[in-house]
Amino acid sequence: PYKGGGPAAIAILSGEVSLMLGSLPTVIPHANTGKLRLIATASE
């Protein structure tokens, strides 16, 4: 656990963790730069 979606994203960007379920506003900017890979959405 981290204190918010931002710190949780920083953790995966730095390699502290390998995976996160993040809101699109949190992860899309990093996916666009290739720093994260999106494999699926959790929507219906």
All heavy atoms as atom14 arrays in JSON, in Angstrom:
{
  "sequence": "PYKGGGPAAIAILSGEVSLMLGSLPTVIPHANTGKLRLIATASE",
  "atom14_mask": [
    [1, 1, 1, 1, 1, 1, 1, 0, 0, 0, 0, 0, 0, 0],
    [1, 1, 1, 1, 1, 1, 1, 1, 1, 1, 1, 1, 0, 0],
    [1, 1, 1, 1, 1, 1, 1, 1, 1, 0, 0, 0, 0, 0],
    [1, 1, 1, 1, 0, 0, 0, 0, 0, 0, 0, 0, 0, 0],
    [1, 1, 1, 1, 0, 0, 0, 0, 0, 0, 0, 0, 0, 0],
    [1, 1, 1, 1, 0, 0, 0, 0, 0, 0, 0, 0, 0, 0],
    [1, 1, 1, 1, 1, 1, 1, 0, 0, 0, 0, 0, 0, 0],
    [1, 1, 1, 1, 1, 0, 0, 0, 0, 0, 0, 0, 0, 0],
    [1, 1, 1, 1, 1, 0, 0, 0, 0, 0, 0, 0, 0, 0],
    [1, 1, 1, 1, 1, 1, 1, 1, 0, 0, 0, 0, 0, 0],
    [1, 1, 1, 1, 1, 0, 0, 0, 0, 0, 0, 0, 0, 0],
    [1, 1, 1, 1, 1, 1, 1, 1, 0, 0, 0, 0, 0, 0],
    [1, 1, 1, 1, 1, 1, 1, 1, 0, 0, 0, 0, 0, 0],
    [1, 1, 1, 1, 1, 1, 0, 0, 0, 0, 0, 0, 0, 0],
    [1, 1, 1, 1, 0, 0, 0, 0, 0, 0, 0, 0, 0, 0],
    [1, 1, 1, 1, 1, 1, 1, 1, 1, 0, 0, 0, 0, 0],
    [1, 1, 1, 1, 1, 1, 1, 0, 0, 0, 0, 0, 0, 0],
    [1, 1, 1, 1, 1, 1, 0, 0, 0, 0, 0, 0, 0, 0],
    [1, 1, 1, 1, 1, 1, 1, 1, 0, 0, 0, 0, 0, 0],
    [1, 1, 1, 1, 1, 1, 1, 1, 0, 0, 0, 0, 0, 0],
    [1, 1, 1, 1, 1, 1, 1, 1, 0, 0, 0, 0, 0, 0],
    [1, 1, 1, 1, 0, 0, 0, 0, 0, 0, 0, 0, 0, 0],
    [1, 1, 1, 1, 1, 1, 0, 0, 0, 0, 0, 0, 0, 0],
    [1, 1, 1, 1, 1, 1, 1, 1, 0, 0, 0, 0, 0, 0],
    [1, 1, 1, 1, 1, 1, 1, 0, 0, 0, 0, 0, 0, 0],
    [1, 1, 1, 1, 1, 1, 1, 0, 0, 0, 0, 0, 0, 0],
    [1, 1, 1, 1, 1, 1, 1, 0, 0, 0, 0, 0, 0, 0],
    [1, 1, 1, 1, 1, 1, 1, 1, 0, 0, 0, 0, 0, 0],
    [1, 1, 1, 1, 1, 1, 1, 0, 0, 0, 0, 0, 0, 0],
    [1, 1, 1, 1, 1, 1, 1, 1, 1, 1, 0, 0, 0, 0],
    [1, 1, 1, 1, 1, 0, 0, 0, 0, 0, 0, 0, 0, 0],
    [1, 1, 1, 1, 1, 1, 1, 1, 0, 0, 0, 0, 0, 0],
    [1, 1, 1, 1, 1, 1, 1, 0, 0, 0, 0, 0, 0, 0],
    [1, 1, 1, 1, 0, 0, 0, 0, 0, 0, 0, 0, 0, 0],
    [1, 1, 1, 1, 1, 1, 1, 1, 1, 0, 0, 0, 0, 0],
    [1, 1, 1, 1, 1, 1, 1, 1, 0, 0, 0, 0, 0, 0],
    [1, 1, 1, 1, 1, 1, 1, 1, 1, 1, 1, 0, 0, 0],
    [1, 1, 1, 1, 1, 1, 1, 1, 0, 0, 0, 0, 0, 0],
    [1, 1, 1, 1, 1, 1, 1, 1, 0, 0, 0, 0, 0, 0],
    [1, 1, 1, 1, 1, 0, 0, 0, 0, 0, 0, 0, 0, 0],
    [1, 1, 1, 1, 1, 1, 1, 0, 0, 0, 0, 0, 0, 0],
    [1, 1, 1, 1, 1, 0, 0, 0, 0, 0, 0, 0, 0, 0],
    [1, 1, 1, 1, 1, 1, 0, 0, 0, 0, 0, 0, 0, 0],
    [1, 1, 1, 1, 1, 1, 1, 1, 1, 0, 0, 0, 0, 0]
  ],
  "atom14_positions": [
    [[0.81, -1.22, 0.0], [0.0, 0.0, 0.0], [0.84, 1.27, 0.0], [1.94, 1.31, 0.57], [-0.78, -0.12, 1.31], [0.13, -0.89, 2.21], [0.89, -1.85, 1.34], [0.0, 0.0, 0.0], [0.0, 0.0, 0.0], [0.0, 0.0, 0.0], [0.0, 0.0, 0.0], [0.0, 0.0, 0.0], [0.0, 0.0, 0.0], [0.0, 0.0, 0.0]],
    [[0.32, 2.32, -0.63], [0.95, 3.64, -0.64], [-0.1, 4.68, -0.28], [-1.29, 4.4, -0.21], [1.57, 3.94, -2.01], [2.78, 3.08, -2.3], [2.62, 1.8, -2.83], [4.07, 3.51, -2.01], [3.72, 0.99, -3.08], [5.17, 2.7, -2.26], [4.99, 1.44, -2.79], [6.08, 0.64, -3.03], [0.0, 0.0, 0.0], [0.0, 0.0, 0.0]],
    [[0.34, 5.91, -0.08], [-0.56, 6.99, 0.32], [-1.09, 7.73, -0.9], [-0.77, 8.89, -1.14], [0.15, 7.96, 1.26], [0.48, 7.35, 2.61], [1.12, 8.37, 3.53], [1.41, 7.76, 4.9], [2.02, 8.75, 5.83], [0.0, 0.0, 0.0], [0.0, 0.0, 0.0], [0.0, 0.0, 0.0], [0.0, 0.0, 0.0], [0.0, 0.0, 0.0]],
    [[-1.87, 7.03, -1.71], [-2.48, 7.67, -2.87], [-2.06, 7.03, -4.18], [-1.06, 6.29, -4.25], [0.0, 0.0, 0.0], [0.0, 0.0, 0.0], [0.0, 0.0, 0.0], [0.0, 0.0, 0.0], [0.0, 0.0, 0.0], [0.0, 0.0, 0.0], [0.0, 0.0, 0.0], [0.0, 0.0, 0.0], [0.0, 0.0, 0.0], [0.0, 0.0, 0.0]],
    [[-2.86, 7.32, -5.24], [-2.58, 6.76, -6.55], [-1.28, 7.26, -7.14], [-0.58, 6.52, -7.84], [0.0, 0.0, 0.0], [0.0, 0.0, 0.0], [0.0, 0.0, 0.0], [0.0, 0.0, 0.0], [0.0, 0.0, 0.0], [0.0, 0.0, 0.0], [0.0, 0.0, 0.0], [0.0, 0.0, 0.0], [0.0, 0.0, 0.0], [0.0, 0.0, 0.0]],
    [[-0.94, 8.53, -6.87], [0.32, 9.08, -7.37], [1.53, 8.34, -6.84], [2.37, 7.86, -7.61], [0.0, 0.0, 0.0], [0.0, 0.0, 0.0], [0.0, 0.0, 0.0], [0.0, 0.0, 0.0], [0.0, 0.0, 0.0], [0.0, 0.0, 0.0], [0.0, 0.0, 0.0], [0.0, 0.0, 0.0], [0.0, 0.0, 0.0], [0.0, 0.0, 0.0]],
    [[1.67, 8.21, -5.5], [2.79, 7.44, -4.94], [2.79, 5.98, -5.38], [3.85, 5.38, -5.57], [2.56, 7.56, -3.43], [1.85, 8.85, -3.27], [0.94, 8.95, -4.45], [0.0, 0.0, 0.0], [0.0, 0.0, 0.0], [0.0, 0.0, 0.0], [0.0, 0.0, 0.0], [0.0, 0.0, 0.0], [0.0, 0.0, 0.0], [0.0, 0.0, 0.0]],
    [[1.6, 5.39, -5.56], [1.53, 4.0, -6.03], [2.09, 3.89, -7.44], [2.74, 2.9, -7.8], [0.09, 3.5, -5.99], [0.0, 0.0, 0.0], [0.0, 0.0, 0.0], [0.0, 0.0, 0.0], [0.0, 0.0, 0.0], [0.0, 0.0, 0.0], [0.0, 0.0, 0.0], [0.0, 0.0, 0.0], [0.0, 0.0, 0.0], [0.0, 0.0, 0.0]],
    [[1.82, 4.91, -8.27], [2.36, 4.91, -9.63], [3.87, 5.11, -9.63], [4.6, 4.48, -10.4], [1.68, 6.01, -10.45], [0.0, 0.0, 0.0], [0.0, 0.0, 0.0], [0.0, 0.0, 0.0], [0.0, 0.0, 0.0], [0.0, 0.0, 0.0], [0.0, 0.0, 0.0], [0.0, 0.0, 0.0], [0.0, 0.0, 0.0], [0.0, 0.0, 0.0]],
    [[4.34, 5.99, -8.74], [5.79, 6.21, -8.63], [6.5, 4.91, -8.25], [7.59, 4.61, -8.73], [6.09, 7.32, -7.61], [5.6, 8.67, -8.15], [7.58, 7.39, -7.28], [5.66, 9.8, -7.14], [0.0, 0.0, 0.0], [0.0, 0.0, 0.0], [0.0, 0.0, 0.0], [0.0, 0.0, 0.0], [0.0, 0.0, 0.0], [0.0, 0.0, 0.0]],
    [[5.85, 4.12, -7.41], [6.45, 2.85, -6.97], [6.64, 1.9, -8.13], [7.67, 1.22, -8.24], [5.57, 2.2, -5.9], [0.0, 0.0, 0.0], [0.0, 0.0, 0.0], [0.0, 0.0, 0.0], [0.0, 0.0, 0.0], [0.0, 0.0, 0.0], [0.0, 0.0, 0.0], [0.0, 0.0, 0.0], [0.0, 0.0, 0.0], [0.0, 0.0, 0.0]],
    [[5.67, 1.83, -9.03], [5.81, 0.92, -10.17], [6.77, 1.51, -11.21], [7.53, 0.77, -11.84], [4.43, 0.59, -10.8], [4.58, -0.51, -11.85], [3.76, 1.8, -11.39], [3.24, -1.02, -12.37], [0.0, 0.0, 0.0], [0.0, 0.0, 0.0], [0.0, 0.0, 0.0], [0.0, 0.0, 0.0], [0.0, 0.0, 0.0], [0.0, 0.0, 0.0]],
    [[6.79, 2.82, -11.34], [7.72, 3.45, -12.28], [9.17, 3.22, -11.85], [10.05, 3.04, -12.69], [7.44, 4.95, -12.38], [6.12, 5.36, -13.04], [5.86, 6.84, -12.84], [6.16, 5.03, -14.53], [0.0, 0.0, 0.0], [0.0, 0.0, 0.0], [0.0, 0.0, 0.0], [0.0, 0.0, 0.0], [0.0, 0.0, 0.0], [0.0, 0.0, 0.0]],
    [[9.41, 3.21, -10.54], [10.77, 3.03, -10.03], [11.17, 1.56, -9.95], [12.33, 1.25, -9.68], [10.89, 3.65, -8.64], [10.09, 2.94, -7.69], [0.0, 0.0, 0.0], [0.0, 0.0, 0.0], [0.0, 0.0, 0.0], [0.0, 0.0, 0.0], [0.0, 0.0, 0.0], [0.0, 0.0, 0.0], [0.0, 0.0, 0.0], [0.0, 0.0, 0.0]],
    [[10.2, 0.67, -10.15], [10.5, -0.76, -10.09], [10.38, -1.36, -8.71], [10.72, -2.53, -8.51], [0.0, 0.0, 0.0], [0.0, 0.0, 0.0], [0.0, 0.0, 0.0], [0.0, 0.0, 0.0], [0.0, 0.0, 0.0], [0.0, 0.0, 0.0], [0.0, 0.0, 0.0], [0.0, 0.0, 0.0], [0.0, 0.0, 0.0], [0.0, 0.0, 0.0]],
    [[9.86, -0.58, -7.73], [9.65, -1.15, -6.4], [8.62, -2.27, -6.44], [8.69, -3.23, -5.69], [9.16, -0.06, -5.43], [10.21, 0.95, -5.05], [9.67, 1.98, -4.06], [8.62, 1.72, -3.43], [10.28, 3.05, -3.94], [0.0, 0.0, 0.0], [0.0, 0.0, 0.0], [0.0, 0.0, 0.0], [0.0, 0.0, 0.0], [0.0, 0.0, 0.0]],
    [[7.62, -2.1, -7.3], [6.61, -3.12, -7.53], [6.5, -3.34, -9.03], [7.02, -2.57, -9.83], [5.23, -2.71, -6.94], [5.32, -2.48, -5.45], [4.69, -1.47, -7.65], [0.0, 0.0, 0.0], [0.0, 0.0, 0.0], [0.0, 0.0, 0.0], [0.0, 0.0, 0.0], [0.0, 0.0, 0.0], [0.0, 0.0, 0.0], [0.0, 0.0, 0.0]],
    [[5.79, -4.39, -9.43], [5.7, -4.72, -10.85], [4.33, -4.48, -11.45], [4.17, -4.52, -12.67], [6.06, -6.21, -11.05], [7.34, -6.48, -10.58], [0.0, 0.0, 0.0], [0.0, 0.0, 0.0], [0.0, 0.0, 0.0], [0.0, 0.0, 0.0], [0.0, 0.0, 0.0], [0.0, 0.0, 0.0], [0.0, 0.0, 0.0], [0.0, 0.0, 0.0]],
    [[3.33, -4.23, -10.6], [1.95, -4.24, -11.09], [1.12, -3.26, -10.27], [1.36, -3.04, -9.09], [1.39, -5.65, -10.93], [-0.09, -5.92, -11.15], [-0.44, -5.8, -12.63], [-0.45, -7.32, -10.64], [0.0, 0.0, 0.0], [0.0, 0.0, 0.0], [0.0, 0.0, 0.0], [0.0, 0.0, 0.0], [0.0, 0.0, 0.0], [0.0, 0.0, 0.0]],
    [[0.13, -2.64, -10.92], [-0.84, -1.84, -10.18], [-2.15, -1.78, -10.94], [-2.19, -1.92, -12.17], [-0.34, -0.42, -9.92], [-0.39, 0.52, -11.11], [0.04, 2.25, -10.71], [-1.33, 2.75, -9.68], [0.0, 0.0, 0.0], [0.0, 0.0, 0.0], [0.0, 0.0, 0.0], [0.0, 0.0, 0.0], [0.0, 0.0, 0.0], [0.0, 0.0, 0.0]],
    [[-3.23, -1.62, -10.21], [-4.53, -1.32, -10.78], [-4.72, 0.18, -10.57], [-4.98, 0.62, -9.45], [-5.63, -2.12, -10.08], [-7.0, -2.12, -10.74], [-6.97, -2.8, -12.1], [-8.02, -2.81, -9.84], [0.0, 0.0, 0.0], [0.0, 0.0, 0.0], [0.0, 0.0, 0.0], [0.0, 0.0, 0.0], [0.0, 0.0, 0.0], [0.0, 0.0, 0.0]],
    [[-4.52, 0.95, -11.63], [-4.54, 2.4, -11.5], [-5.64, 3.03, -12.33], [-6.01, 2.5, -13.4], [0.0, 0.0, 0.0], [0.0, 0.0, 0.0], [0.0, 0.0, 0.0], [0.0, 0.0, 0.0], [0.0, 0.0, 0.0], [0.0, 0.0, 0.0], [0.0, 0.0, 0.0], [0.0, 0.0, 0.0], [0.0, 0.0, 0.0], [0.0, 0.0, 0.0]],
    [[-6.18, 4.14, -11.86], [-7.17, 4.86, -12.65], [-6.51, 5.38, -13.92], [-5.31, 5.66, -13.96], [-7.76, 6.01, -11.85], [-6.76, 6.97, -11.56], [0.0, 0.0, 0.0], [0.0, 0.0, 0.0], [0.0, 0.0, 0.0], [0.0, 0.0, 0.0], [0.0, 0.0, 0.0], [0.0, 0.0, 0.0], [0.0, 0.0, 0.0], [0.0, 0.0, 0.0]],
    [[-7.29, 5.5, -14.98], [-6.72, 5.94, -16.26], [-6.03, 7.29, -16.17], [-4.96, 7.47, -16.78], [-7.8, 5.95, -17.34], [-8.37, 4.58, -17.75], [-9.24, 4.72, -19.0], [-7.27, 3.56, -17.99], [0.0, 0.0, 0.0], [0.0, 0.0, 0.0], [0.0, 0.0, 0.0], [0.0, 0.0, 0.0], [0.0, 0.0, 0.0], [0.0, 0.0, 0.0]],
    [[-6.59, 8.28, -15.43], [-5.84, 9.54, -15.32], [-4.46, 9.37, -14.7], [-3.56, 10.16, -14.96], [-6.75, 10.4, -14.43], [-8.11, 9.87, -14.65], [-7.92, 8.39, -14.81], [0.0, 0.0, 0.0], [0.0, 0.0, 0.0], [0.0, 0.0, 0.0], [0.0, 0.0, 0.0], [0.0, 0.0, 0.0], [0.0, 0.0, 0.0], [0.0, 0.0, 0.0]],
    [[-4.29, 8.34, -13.87], [-3.01, 8.09, -13.23], [-2.03, 7.4, -14.17], [-0.85, 7.77, -14.24], [-3.19, 7.22, -11.97], [-4.07, 7.9, -11.06], [-1.86, 6.97, -11.27], [0.0, 0.0, 0.0], [0.0, 0.0, 0.0], [0.0, 0.0, 0.0], [0.0, 0.0, 0.0], [0.0, 0.0, 0.0], [0.0, 0.0, 0.0], [0.0, 0.0, 0.0]],
    [[-2.49, 6.41, -14.93], [-1.56, 5.56, -15.68], [-1.38, 5.94, -17.14], [-0.33, 5.64, -17.74], [-1.97, 4.07, -15.58], [-1.95, 3.61, -14.12], [-3.35, 3.83, -16.19], [0.0, 0.0, 0.0], [0.0, 0.0, 0.0], [0.0, 0.0, 0.0], [0.0, 0.0, 0.0], [0.0, 0.0, 0.0], [0.0, 0.0, 0.0], [0.0, 0.0, 0.0]],
    [[-2.38, 6.57, -17.76], [-2.27, 6.88, -19.19], [-1.05, 7.72, -19.54], [-0.33, 7.41, -20.5], [-3.57, 7.53, -19.72], [-4.62, 6.44, -19.99], [-3.33, 8.32, -20.99], [-5.94, 6.98, -20.53], [0.0, 0.0, 0.0], [0.0, 0.0, 0.0], [0.0, 0.0, 0.0], [0.0, 0.0, 0.0], [0.0, 0.0, 0.0], [0.0, 0.0, 0.0]],
    [[-0.75, 8.8, -18.78], [0.43, 9.6, -19.14], [1.72, 8.79, -19.16], [2.58, 8.99, -20.03], [0.47, 10.68, -18.05], [-0.95, 10.8, -17.58], [-1.49, 9.4, -17.64], [0.0, 0.0, 0.0], [0.0, 0.0, 0.0], [0.0, 0.0, 0.0], [0.0, 0.0, 0.0], [0.0, 0.0, 0.0], [0.0, 0.0, 0.0], [0.0, 0.0, 0.0]],
    [[1.85, 7.85, -18.22], [3.07, 7.03, -18.16], [3.06, 5.95, -19.25], [4.12, 5.57, -19.77], [3.2, 6.4, -16.78], [3.21, 7.4, -15.67], [4.14, 8.41, -15.57], [2.36, 7.57, -14.61], [3.9, 9.14, -14.5], [2.82, 8.65, -13.9], [0.0, 0.0, 0.0], [0.0, 0.0, 0.0], [0.0, 0.0, 0.0], [0.0, 0.0, 0.0]],
    [[1.88, 5.46, -19.59], [1.79, 4.49, -20.68], [2.14, 5.15, -22.01], [2.77, 4.53, -22.88], [0.38, 3.89, -20.73], [0.0, 0.0, 0.0], [0.0, 0.0, 0.0], [0.0, 0.0, 0.0], [0.0, 0.0, 0.0], [0.0, 0.0, 0.0], [0.0, 0.0, 0.0], [0.0, 0.0, 0.0], [0.0, 0.0, 0.0], [0.0, 0.0, 0.0]],
    [[1.76, 6.4, -22.17], [2.04, 7.12, -23.43], [3.54, 7.32, -23.64], [3.99, 7.44, -24.78], [1.33, 8.48, -23.43], [-0.17, 8.34, -23.6], [-0.66, 7.31, -24.06], [-0.91, 9.36, -23.22], [0.0, 0.0, 0.0], [0.0, 0.0, 0.0], [0.0, 0.0, 0.0], [0.0, 0.0, 0.0], [0.0, 0.0, 0.0], [0.0, 0.0, 0.0]],
    [[4.3, 7.37, -22.56], [5.75, 7.55, -22.68], [6.5, 6.22, -22.65], [7.74, 6.21, -22.71], [6.28, 8.46, -21.55], [6.0, 7.84, -20.28], [5.64, 9.83, -21.62], [0.0, 0.0, 0.0], [0.0, 0.0, 0.0], [0.0, 0.0, 0.0], [0.0, 0.0, 0.0], [0.0, 0.0, 0.0], [0.0, 0.0, 0.0], [0.0, 0.0, 0.0]],
    [[5.76, 5.11, -22.52], [6.39, 3.8, -22.52], [6.94, 3.37, -21.18], [7.59, 2.32, -21.08], [0.0, 0.0, 0.0], [0.0, 0.0, 0.0], [0.0, 0.0, 0.0], [0.0, 0.0, 0.0], [0.0, 0.0, 0.0], [0.0, 0.0, 0.0], [0.0, 0.0, 0.0], [0.0, 0.0, 0.0], [0.0, 0.0, 0.0], [0.0, 0.0, 0.0]],
    [[6.66, 4.15, -20.13], [7.18, 3.81, -18.81], [6.33, 2.75, -18.11], [6.76, 2.13, -17.14], [7.28, 5.06, -17.94], [8.32, 6.06, -18.47], [8.36, 7.31, -17.59], [9.38, 8.3, -18.13], [9.41, 9.55, -17.32], [0.0, 0.0, 0.0], [0.0, 0.0, 0.0], [0.0, 0.0, 0.0], [0.0, 0.0, 0.0], [0.0, 0.0, 0.0]],
    [[5.09, 2.58, -18.59], [4.21, 1.52, -18.11], [3.6, 0.82, -19.31], [3.47, 1.4, -20.38], [3.08, 2.09, -17.24], [3.42, 2.66, -15.87], [2.16, 3.17, -15.19], [4.13, 1.64, -15.0], [0.0, 0.0, 0.0], [0.0, 0.0, 0.0], [0.0, 0.0, 0.0], [0.0, 0.0, 0.0], [0.0, 0.0, 0.0], [0.0, 0.0, 0.0]],
    [[3.21, -0.43, -19.1], [2.49, -1.18, -20.14], [1.1, -1.52, -19.61], [0.98, -2.1, -18.53], [3.24, -2.46, -20.49], [2.55, -3.28, -21.61], [3.22, -4.64, -21.81], [4.63, -4.49, -22.07], [5.59, -5.15, -21.42], [5.27, -6.01, -20.46], [6.86, -4.96, -21.72], [0.0, 0.0, 0.0], [0.0, 0.0, 0.0], [0.0, 0.0, 0.0]],
    [[0.08, -1.15, -20.36], [-1.28, -1.46, -19.97], [-1.69, -2.76, -20.65], [-1.57, -2.9, -21.87], [-2.23, -0.34, -20.38], [-1.88, 1.07, -19.89], [-2.98, 2.06, -20.28], [-1.65, 1.1, -18.38], [0.0, 0.0, 0.0], [0.0, 0.0, 0.0], [0.0, 0.0, 0.0], [0.0, 0.0, 0.0], [0.0, 0.0, 0.0], [0.0, 0.0, 0.0]],
    [[-2.2, -3.72, -19.85], [-2.57, -5.01, -20.44], [-4.07, -5.22, -20.5], [-4.55, -6.05, -21.26], [-1.89, -6.19, -19.7], [-2.37, -6.28, -18.25], [-0.37, -6.06, -19.76], [-1.87, -7.54, -17.53], [0.0, 0.0, 0.0], [0.0, 0.0, 0.0], [0.0, 0.0, 0.0], [0.0, 0.0, 0.0], [0.0, 0.0, 0.0], [0.0, 0.0, 0.0]],
    [[-4.83, -4.44, -19.7], [-6.29, -4.57, -19.73], [-6.9, -3.48, -18.87], [-6.24, -2.91, -18.0], [-6.73, -5.94, -19.22], [0.0, 0.0, 0.0], [0.0, 0.0, 0.0], [0.0, 0.0, 0.0], [0.0, 0.0, 0.0], [0.0, 0.0, 0.0], [0.0, 0.0, 0.0], [0.0, 0.0, 0.0], [0.0, 0.0, 0.0], [0.0, 0.0, 0.0]],
    [[-8.16, -3.18, -19.13], [-8.91, -2.33, -18.21], [-9.78, -3.22, -17.33], [-10.03, -4.38, -17.66], [-9.82, -1.34, -18.96], [-10.79, -2.07, -19.72], [-9.0, -0.44, -19.88], [0.0, 0.0, 0.0], [0.0, 0.0, 0.0], [0.0, 0.0, 0.0], [0.0, 0.0, 0.0], [0.0, 0.0, 0.0], [0.0, 0.0, 0.0], [0.0, 0.0, 0.0]],
    [[-10.21, -2.66, -16.21], [-11.04, -3.44, -15.28], [-12.51, -3.06, -15.39], [-13.29, -3.36, -14.49], [-10.54, -3.23, -13.85], [0.0, 0.0, 0.0], [0.0, 0.0, 0.0], [0.0, 0.0, 0.0], [0.0, 0.0, 0.0], [0.0, 0.0, 0.0], [0.0, 0.0, 0.0], [0.0, 0.0, 0.0], [0.0, 0.0, 0.0], [0.0, 0.0, 0.0]],
    [[-12.89, -2.43, -16.49], [-14.27, -2.0, -16.68], [-15.12, -3.15, -17.22], [-14.61, -4.18, -17.66], [-14.32, -0.83, -17.66], [-13.56, -1.11, -18.82], [0.0, 0.0, 0.0], [0.0, 0.0, 0.0], [0.0, 0.0, 0.0], [0.0, 0.0, 0.0], [0.0, 0.0, 0.0], [0.0, 0.0, 0.0], [0.0, 0.0, 0.0], [0.0, 0.0, 0.0]],
    [[-16.43, -2.95, -17.18], [-17.34, -3.98, -17.68], [-17.24, -4.1, -19.19], [-17.26, -5.19, -19.75], [-18.78, -3.65, -17.28], [-19.78, -4.74, -17.64], [-21.16, -4.45, -17.1], [-21.36, -3.38, -16.5], [-22.04, -5.32, -17.25], [0.0, 0.0, 0.0], [0.0, 0.0, 0.0], [0.0, 0.0, 0.0], [0.0, 0.0, 0.0], [0.0, 0.0, 0.0]]
  ]
}
